[in-house]
Amino acid sequence: MMERLEALFCRQLQTVGLAPEPLFLAGCGLRLGQHITLPPYRLVFRVQSNALLICSLTRLPDCASKPSSLLRLWRLLQEALLSFSSLRHIRMLVITDVLPRRLALQRQKLVRRLCQQGAVTCLLDGERWLEIDIDRIFLGKARS
């Protein structure tokens, strides 16, 4: 069922101009999820239990940060989610206890900002995840 839901969401992403592709663990063929590349960023995600799990959001090697591209990626994701009511939450595991310290501070700031936007911390499988209700993202907008 989840593979079907993920495939349907990927089709919705394609309608907004994104090109999701399956992502496999190198050397063993284990499917990790899907990935979208919108230079200079790469988003890895999967669908699980009516939630969009953000596995990673990284900048491509040797690419400079480009906030306008990140905003464009977020807007396209929002557009796809607005037309796809089967997903109820966005979840992400943000690990803040990392080195170098600068990276830890950036991640802590990200967690604070997401919580200001309505994300809450929930315990899933012994890990602290951030979760935001998708309808909260679209306050005042009707989802189909």
N, C-alpha and C. Protein backbone atom coordinates (compact mmCIF):
# COMPACT_ATOMS: atom_id res chain seq x y z
N MET A 1 0.83 -1.21 0.00
CA MET A 1 0.00 0.00 0.00
C MET A 1 0.87 1.26 0.00
N MET A 2 1.92 1.27 0.87
CA MET A 2 2.76 2.47 0.94
C MET A 2 3.52 2.69 -0.36
N GLU A 3 3.97 1.58 -1.01
CA GLU A 3 4.66 1.75 -2.29
C GLU A 3 3.72 2.39 -3.30
N ARG A 4 2.45 1.99 -3.26
CA ARG A 4 1.46 2.56 -4.17
C ARG A 4 1.25 4.04 -3.87
N LEU A 5 1.14 4.38 -2.58
CA LEU A 5 0.96 5.77 -2.18
C LEU A 5 2.17 6.61 -2.59
N GLU A 6 3.36 6.04 -2.40
CA GLU A 6 4.58 6.75 -2.81
C GLU A 6 4.61 6.96 -4.32
N ALA A 7 4.20 5.95 -5.08
CA ALA A 7 4.17 6.08 -6.55
C ALA A 7 3.18 7.16 -6.98
N LEU A 8 2.03 7.21 -6.33
CA LEU A 8 1.04 8.24 -6.66
C LEU A 8 1.57 9.63 -6.32
N PHE A 9 2.25 9.75 -5.18
CA PHE A 9 2.82 11.05 -4.81
C PHE A 9 3.91 11.45 -5.80
N CYS A 10 4.70 10.49 -6.24
CA CYS A 10 5.74 10.79 -7.23
C CYS A 10 5.13 11.31 -8.53
N ARG A 11 4.01 10.73 -8.93
CA ARG A 11 3.32 11.24 -10.13
C ARG A 11 2.85 12.67 -9.91
N GLN A 12 2.37 12.95 -8.70
CA GLN A 12 1.94 14.32 -8.39
C GLN A 12 3.13 15.28 -8.45
N LEU A 13 4.28 14.85 -7.96
CA LEU A 13 5.49 15.67 -8.03
C LEU A 13 5.86 15.95 -9.50
N GLN A 14 5.68 14.96 -10.34
CA GLN A 14 5.98 15.14 -11.77
C GLN A 14 5.06 16.20 -12.39
N THR A 15 3.81 16.26 -11.94
CA THR A 15 2.89 17.25 -12.52
C THR A 15 3.29 18.68 -12.17
N VAL A 16 4.07 18.86 -11.09
CA VAL A 16 4.51 20.22 -10.74
C VAL A 16 5.91 20.50 -11.26
N GLY A 17 6.48 19.55 -12.02
CA GLY A 17 7.78 19.80 -12.66
C GLY A 17 8.98 19.20 -11.97
N LEU A 18 8.76 18.39 -10.95
CA LEU A 18 9.88 17.71 -10.29
C LEU A 18 10.01 16.30 -10.86
N ALA A 19 11.21 15.74 -10.79
CA ALA A 19 11.45 14.42 -11.38
C ALA A 19 12.00 13.46 -10.32
N PRO A 20 11.13 12.88 -9.50
CA PRO A 20 11.61 11.94 -8.49
C PRO A 20 12.14 10.66 -9.13
N GLU A 21 13.18 10.13 -8.53
CA GLU A 21 13.79 8.88 -8.99
C GLU A 21 14.07 8.00 -7.78
N PRO A 22 13.96 6.68 -7.94
CA PRO A 22 14.27 5.78 -6.82
C PRO A 22 15.74 5.93 -6.40
N LEU A 23 15.97 5.76 -5.11
CA LEU A 23 17.33 5.83 -4.58
C LEU A 23 17.62 4.52 -3.86
N PHE A 24 18.76 3.91 -4.19
CA PHE A 24 19.15 2.63 -3.62
C PHE A 24 20.46 2.76 -2.87
N LEU A 25 20.60 1.97 -1.82
CA LEU A 25 21.85 1.91 -1.07
C LEU A 25 22.90 1.25 -1.95
N ALA A 26 24.02 1.93 -2.12
CA ALA A 26 25.06 1.45 -3.02
C ALA A 26 25.55 0.07 -2.59
N GLY A 27 25.69 -0.79 -3.57
CA GLY A 27 26.27 -2.10 -3.33
C GLY A 27 25.31 -3.20 -2.91
N CYS A 28 24.09 -2.84 -2.49
CA CYS A 28 23.20 -3.92 -2.06
C CYS A 28 21.80 -3.85 -2.66
N GLY A 29 21.44 -2.75 -3.28
CA GLY A 29 20.15 -2.66 -3.93
C GLY A 29 18.97 -2.38 -3.02
N LEU A 30 19.21 -2.11 -1.73
CA LEU A 30 18.14 -1.77 -0.81
C LEU A 30 17.59 -0.40 -1.17
N ARG A 31 16.27 -0.33 -1.42
CA ARG A 31 15.66 0.95 -1.79
C ARG A 31 15.46 1.81 -0.56
N LEU A 32 16.05 3.00 -0.59
CA LEU A 32 15.95 3.95 0.52
C LEU A 32 14.72 4.84 0.39
N GLY A 33 14.27 5.05 -0.82
CA GLY A 33 13.14 5.94 -1.07
C GLY A 33 13.28 6.55 -2.45
N GLN A 34 12.94 7.82 -2.54
CA GLN A 34 13.00 8.57 -3.79
C GLN A 34 13.91 9.78 -3.57
N HIS A 35 14.44 10.31 -4.65
CA HIS A 35 15.18 11.57 -4.52
C HIS A 35 14.80 12.51 -5.65
N ILE A 36 14.88 13.78 -5.30
CA ILE A 36 14.61 14.88 -6.22
C ILE A 36 15.85 15.77 -6.20
N THR A 37 16.30 16.15 -7.37
CA THR A 37 17.42 17.08 -7.45
C THR A 37 16.94 18.35 -8.12
N LEU A 38 17.12 19.44 -7.42
CA LEU A 38 16.85 20.77 -7.97
C LEU A 38 18.08 21.59 -7.58
N PRO A 39 19.09 21.60 -8.50
CA PRO A 39 20.37 22.19 -8.13
C PRO A 39 20.22 23.56 -7.48
N PRO A 40 20.99 23.74 -6.42
CA PRO A 40 22.06 22.89 -5.90
C PRO A 40 21.61 21.93 -4.79
N TYR A 41 20.33 21.59 -4.70
CA TYR A 41 19.84 20.77 -3.59
C TYR A 41 19.34 19.40 -4.04
N ARG A 42 19.43 18.47 -3.10
CA ARG A 42 18.91 17.13 -3.31
C ARG A 42 18.09 16.73 -2.09
N LEU A 43 16.85 16.31 -2.35
CA LEU A 43 15.93 15.90 -1.30
C LEU A 43 15.69 14.40 -1.44
N VAL A 44 15.90 13.67 -0.34
CA VAL A 44 15.60 12.24 -0.31
C VAL A 44 14.40 12.06 0.62
N PHE A 45 13.41 11.30 0.14
CA PHE A 45 12.19 11.13 0.92
C PHE A 45 11.61 9.74 0.68
N ARG A 46 10.68 9.39 1.53
CA ARG A 46 9.86 8.21 1.30
C ARG A 46 8.50 8.46 1.95
N VAL A 47 7.53 7.65 1.57
CA VAL A 47 6.19 7.74 2.14
C VAL A 47 6.00 6.55 3.06
N GLN A 48 5.54 6.84 4.28
CA GLN A 48 5.32 5.79 5.26
C GLN A 48 4.18 6.19 6.18
N SER A 49 3.19 5.34 6.32
CA SER A 49 2.06 5.57 7.23
C SER A 49 1.42 6.95 7.02
N ASN A 50 1.07 7.27 5.81
CA ASN A 50 0.43 8.54 5.45
C ASN A 50 1.27 9.76 5.83
N ALA A 51 2.57 9.58 5.89
CA ALA A 51 3.48 10.69 6.19
C ALA A 51 4.56 10.76 5.12
N LEU A 52 4.96 11.97 4.81
CA LEU A 52 6.10 12.20 3.95
C LEU A 52 7.31 12.30 4.87
N LEU A 53 8.22 11.33 4.77
CA LEU A 53 9.42 11.33 5.59
C LEU A 53 10.55 11.99 4.83
N ILE A 54 11.07 13.06 5.37
CA ILE A 54 12.23 13.72 4.78
C ILE A 54 13.46 13.00 5.32
N CYS A 55 14.12 12.25 4.47
CA CYS A 55 15.30 11.48 4.89
C CYS A 55 16.55 12.35 4.90
N SER A 56 16.67 13.19 3.90
CA SER A 56 17.80 14.13 3.88
C SER A 56 17.52 15.25 2.90
N LEU A 57 18.10 16.38 3.21
CA LEU A 57 18.09 17.53 2.32
C LEU A 57 19.52 18.04 2.34
N THR A 58 20.20 17.90 1.22
CA THR A 58 21.62 18.25 1.16
C THR A 58 21.90 19.15 -0.04
N ARG A 59 23.01 19.86 0.08
CA ARG A 59 23.49 20.64 -1.04
C ARG A 59 24.44 19.75 -1.82
N LEU A 60 24.35 19.80 -3.14
CA LEU A 60 25.21 18.98 -3.99
C LEU A 60 26.67 19.39 -3.80
N PRO A 61 27.58 18.43 -3.92
CA PRO A 61 29.01 18.73 -3.74
C PRO A 61 29.46 19.84 -4.70
N ASP A 62 30.33 20.67 -4.19
CA ASP A 62 30.94 21.75 -4.99
C ASP A 62 29.92 22.76 -5.51
N CYS A 63 28.78 22.90 -4.84
CA CYS A 63 27.77 23.87 -5.23
C CYS A 63 27.58 24.89 -4.11
N ALA A 64 27.41 26.12 -4.49
CA ALA A 64 27.17 27.18 -3.51
C ALA A 64 25.71 27.14 -3.07
N SER A 65 25.48 27.62 -1.87
CA SER A 65 24.11 27.73 -1.35
C SER A 65 23.33 28.69 -2.22
N LYS A 66 22.06 28.36 -2.46
CA LYS A 66 21.22 29.22 -3.29
C LYS A 66 19.82 29.23 -2.69
N PRO A 67 19.55 30.15 -1.76
CA PRO A 67 18.25 30.18 -1.08
C PRO A 67 17.05 30.23 -2.02
N SER A 68 17.17 30.89 -3.17
CA SER A 68 16.03 30.97 -4.09
C SER A 68 15.67 29.58 -4.62
N SER A 69 16.65 28.72 -4.83
CA SER A 69 16.36 27.35 -5.28
C SER A 69 15.72 26.53 -4.18
N LEU A 70 16.14 26.75 -2.96
CA LEU A 70 15.54 26.05 -1.83
C LEU A 70 14.07 26.46 -1.67
N LEU A 71 13.80 27.76 -1.80
CA LEU A 71 12.42 28.24 -1.74
C LEU A 71 11.58 27.69 -2.88
N ARG A 72 12.17 27.60 -4.05
CA ARG A 72 11.45 27.04 -5.20
C ARG A 72 11.12 25.57 -4.96
N LEU A 73 12.06 24.82 -4.43
CA LEU A 73 11.82 23.41 -4.11
C LEU A 73 10.68 23.28 -3.10
N TRP A 74 10.69 24.13 -2.06
CA TRP A 74 9.64 24.09 -1.05
C TRP A 74 8.28 24.44 -1.67
N ARG A 75 8.24 25.44 -2.53
CA ARG A 75 6.97 25.82 -3.17
C ARG A 75 6.42 24.70 -4.06
N LEU A 76 7.31 24.03 -4.79
CA LEU A 76 6.87 22.92 -5.64
C LEU A 76 6.36 21.76 -4.79
N LEU A 77 7.03 21.49 -3.68
CA LEU A 77 6.55 20.45 -2.76
C LEU A 77 5.18 20.82 -2.20
N GLN A 78 5.02 22.07 -1.81
CA GLN A 78 3.74 22.54 -1.30
C GLN A 78 2.65 22.38 -2.35
N GLU A 79 2.96 22.74 -3.58
CA GLU A 79 1.98 22.63 -4.66
C GLU A 79 1.55 21.17 -4.85
N ALA A 80 2.52 20.25 -4.81
CA ALA A 80 2.20 18.83 -4.95
C ALA A 80 1.37 18.34 -3.77
N LEU A 81 1.74 18.75 -2.56
CA LEU A 81 1.01 18.31 -1.37
C LEU A 81 -0.40 18.88 -1.32
N LEU A 82 -0.57 20.08 -1.83
CA LEU A 82 -1.89 20.73 -1.82
C LEU A 82 -2.91 19.90 -2.62
N SER A 83 -2.43 19.21 -3.64
CA SER A 83 -3.31 18.40 -4.49
C SER A 83 -3.29 16.92 -4.13
N PHE A 84 -2.68 16.57 -3.00
CA PHE A 84 -2.52 15.16 -2.64
C PHE A 84 -2.89 14.98 -1.18
N SER A 85 -4.17 14.72 -0.93
CA SER A 85 -4.68 14.70 0.44
C SER A 85 -4.40 13.41 1.20
N SER A 86 -3.81 12.41 0.57
CA SER A 86 -3.54 11.14 1.26
C SER A 86 -2.44 11.26 2.30
N LEU A 87 -1.57 12.24 2.17
CA LEU A 87 -0.50 12.44 3.14
C LEU A 87 -0.98 13.43 4.20
N ARG A 88 -0.79 13.08 5.46
CA ARG A 88 -1.29 13.91 6.57
C ARG A 88 -0.19 14.67 7.29
N HIS A 89 1.05 14.17 7.27
CA HIS A 89 2.14 14.76 8.05
C HIS A 89 3.43 14.77 7.24
N ILE A 90 4.29 15.68 7.64
CA ILE A 90 5.69 15.65 7.18
C ILE A 90 6.50 15.36 8.43
N ARG A 91 7.37 14.36 8.33
CA ARG A 91 8.24 13.99 9.46
C ARG A 91 9.69 14.04 9.04
N MET A 92 10.52 14.43 9.99
CA MET A 92 11.96 14.42 9.74
C MET A 92 12.69 14.18 11.05
N LEU A 93 13.78 13.49 10.95
CA LEU A 93 14.65 13.23 12.09
C LEU A 93 15.84 14.17 11.94
N VAL A 94 15.88 15.18 12.80
CA VAL A 94 16.97 16.16 12.73
C VAL A 94 17.93 15.85 13.87
N ILE A 95 19.11 15.37 13.53
CA ILE A 95 20.11 15.02 14.54
C ILE A 95 20.93 16.26 14.83
N THR A 96 20.82 16.75 16.08
CA THR A 96 21.48 18.01 16.44
C THR A 96 22.78 17.80 17.20
N ASP A 97 23.05 16.59 17.64
CA ASP A 97 24.27 16.29 18.40
C ASP A 97 25.35 15.81 17.43
N VAL A 98 25.90 16.78 16.67
CA VAL A 98 26.88 16.46 15.63
C VAL A 98 28.08 17.39 15.74
N LEU A 99 29.12 17.04 15.04
CA LEU A 99 30.30 17.89 14.90
C LEU A 99 30.44 18.21 13.42
N PRO A 100 30.94 19.34 13.06
CA PRO A 100 31.44 20.42 13.90
C PRO A 100 30.31 21.18 14.60
N ARG A 101 30.68 21.92 15.59
CA ARG A 101 29.72 22.66 16.41
C ARG A 101 28.84 23.60 15.57
N ARG A 102 29.42 24.20 14.55
CA ARG A 102 28.68 25.11 13.66
C ARG A 102 27.49 24.38 13.04
N LEU A 103 27.69 23.15 12.62
CA LEU A 103 26.62 22.35 12.03
C LEU A 103 25.54 22.04 13.08
N ALA A 104 25.97 21.73 14.29
CA ALA A 104 25.02 21.46 15.38
C ALA A 104 24.15 22.69 15.64
N LEU A 105 24.77 23.87 15.67
CA LEU A 105 24.02 25.11 15.90
C LEU A 105 23.04 25.39 14.77
N GLN A 106 23.45 25.13 13.52
CA GLN A 106 22.55 25.33 12.38
C GLN A 106 21.34 24.41 12.49
N ARG A 107 21.56 23.17 12.88
CA ARG A 107 20.46 22.21 13.01
C ARG A 107 19.54 22.58 14.18
N GLN A 108 20.11 23.06 15.27
CA GLN A 108 19.28 23.50 16.39
C GLN A 108 18.40 24.68 15.98
N LYS A 109 18.97 25.58 15.20
CA LYS A 109 18.21 26.73 14.70
C LYS A 109 17.08 26.25 13.79
N LEU A 110 17.36 25.26 12.94
CA LEU A 110 16.34 24.70 12.06
C LEU A 110 15.20 24.12 12.88
N VAL A 111 15.51 23.37 13.93
CA VAL A 111 14.48 22.78 14.79
C VAL A 111 13.63 23.87 15.41
N ARG A 112 14.26 24.93 15.93
CA ARG A 112 13.50 26.04 16.52
C ARG A 112 12.56 26.68 15.51
N ARG A 113 13.06 26.92 14.30
CA ARG A 113 12.22 27.55 13.25
C ARG A 113 11.05 26.66 12.86
N LEU A 114 11.32 25.37 12.74
CA LEU A 114 10.23 24.46 12.38
C LEU A 114 9.19 24.39 13.48
N CYS A 115 9.63 24.43 14.73
CA CYS A 115 8.68 24.43 15.85
C CYS A 115 7.87 25.72 15.87
N GLN A 116 8.49 26.84 15.51
CA GLN A 116 7.75 28.10 15.42
C GLN A 116 6.67 28.02 14.34
N GLN A 117 6.91 27.19 13.31
CA GLN A 117 5.97 27.03 12.22
C GLN A 117 4.91 25.96 12.51
N GLY A 118 5.00 25.35 13.70
CA GLY A 118 3.98 24.38 14.09
C GLY A 118 4.45 22.95 14.21
N ALA A 119 5.71 22.69 13.96
CA ALA A 119 6.21 21.32 14.13
C ALA A 119 6.23 20.97 15.61
N VAL A 120 6.01 19.70 15.89
CA VAL A 120 6.07 19.21 17.26
C VAL A 120 7.03 18.02 17.29
N THR A 121 7.58 17.79 18.46
CA THR A 121 8.47 16.65 18.66
C THR A 121 7.63 15.45 19.07
N CYS A 122 7.85 14.32 18.43
CA CYS A 122 7.15 13.10 18.82
C CYS A 122 8.16 11.95 18.87
N LEU A 123 7.88 11.00 19.73
CA LEU A 123 8.76 9.85 19.92
C LEU A 123 8.25 8.70 19.06
N LEU A 124 9.05 8.28 18.10
CA LEU A 124 8.71 7.16 17.22
C LEU A 124 9.87 6.18 17.20
N ASP A 125 9.59 4.96 17.55
CA ASP A 125 10.63 3.92 17.58
C ASP A 125 11.85 4.34 18.39
N GLY A 126 11.61 5.04 19.49
CA GLY A 126 12.69 5.44 20.38
C GLY A 126 13.49 6.65 19.92
N GLU A 127 13.09 7.27 18.82
CA GLU A 127 13.80 8.44 18.29
C GLU A 127 12.88 9.65 18.35
N ARG A 128 13.48 10.83 18.57
CA ARG A 128 12.72 12.09 18.58
C ARG A 128 12.64 12.64 17.16
N TRP A 129 11.42 12.64 16.61
CA TRP A 129 11.16 13.14 15.26
C TRP A 129 10.44 14.47 15.35
N LEU A 130 10.63 15.29 14.35
CA LEU A 130 9.81 16.49 14.18
C LEU A 130 8.68 16.13 13.25
N GLU A 131 7.50 16.57 13.57
CA GLU A 131 6.33 16.28 12.74
C GLU A 131 5.50 17.54 12.63
N ILE A 132 5.05 17.80 11.42
CA ILE A 132 4.15 18.92 11.20
C ILE A 132 2.96 18.42 10.38
N ASP A 133 1.78 18.79 10.81
CA ASP A 133 0.56 18.43 10.12
C ASP A 133 0.51 19.20 8.81
N ILE A 134 0.31 18.51 7.72
CA ILE A 134 0.32 19.17 6.41
C ILE A 134 -0.78 20.22 6.31
N ASP A 135 -1.95 19.95 6.90
CA ASP A 135 -3.03 20.95 6.84
C ASP A 135 -2.61 22.24 7.54
N ARG A 136 -1.76 22.16 8.53
CA ARG A 136 -1.28 23.36 9.22
C ARG A 136 -0.44 24.24 8.27
N ILE A 137 0.27 23.59 7.38
CA ILE A 137 1.08 24.33 6.40
C ILE A 137 0.18 25.13 5.47
N PHE A 138 -1.01 24.59 5.21
CA PHE A 138 -1.92 25.21 4.24
C PHE A 138 -3.08 25.92 4.91
N LEU A 139 -2.87 26.52 6.05
CA LEU A 139 -3.95 27.23 6.72
C LEU A 139 -4.64 28.17 5.73
N GLY A 140 -5.95 28.02 5.62
CA GLY A 140 -6.72 28.88 4.74
C GLY A 140 -6.79 28.41 3.30
N LYS A 141 -6.10 27.32 2.96
CA LYS A 141 -6.14 26.81 1.59
C LYS A 141 -6.80 25.43 1.62
N ALA A 142 -7.67 25.18 0.69
CA ALA A 142 -8.35 23.89 0.62
C ALA A 142 -7.46 22.88 -0.09
N ARG A 143 -7.35 21.69 0.51
CA ARG A 143 -6.64 20.60 -0.13
C ARG A 143 -7.64 19.69 -0.80
N SER A 144 -7.26 19.15 -1.95
CA SER A 144 -8.18 18.24 -2.66
C SER A 144 -8.07 16.83 -2.14
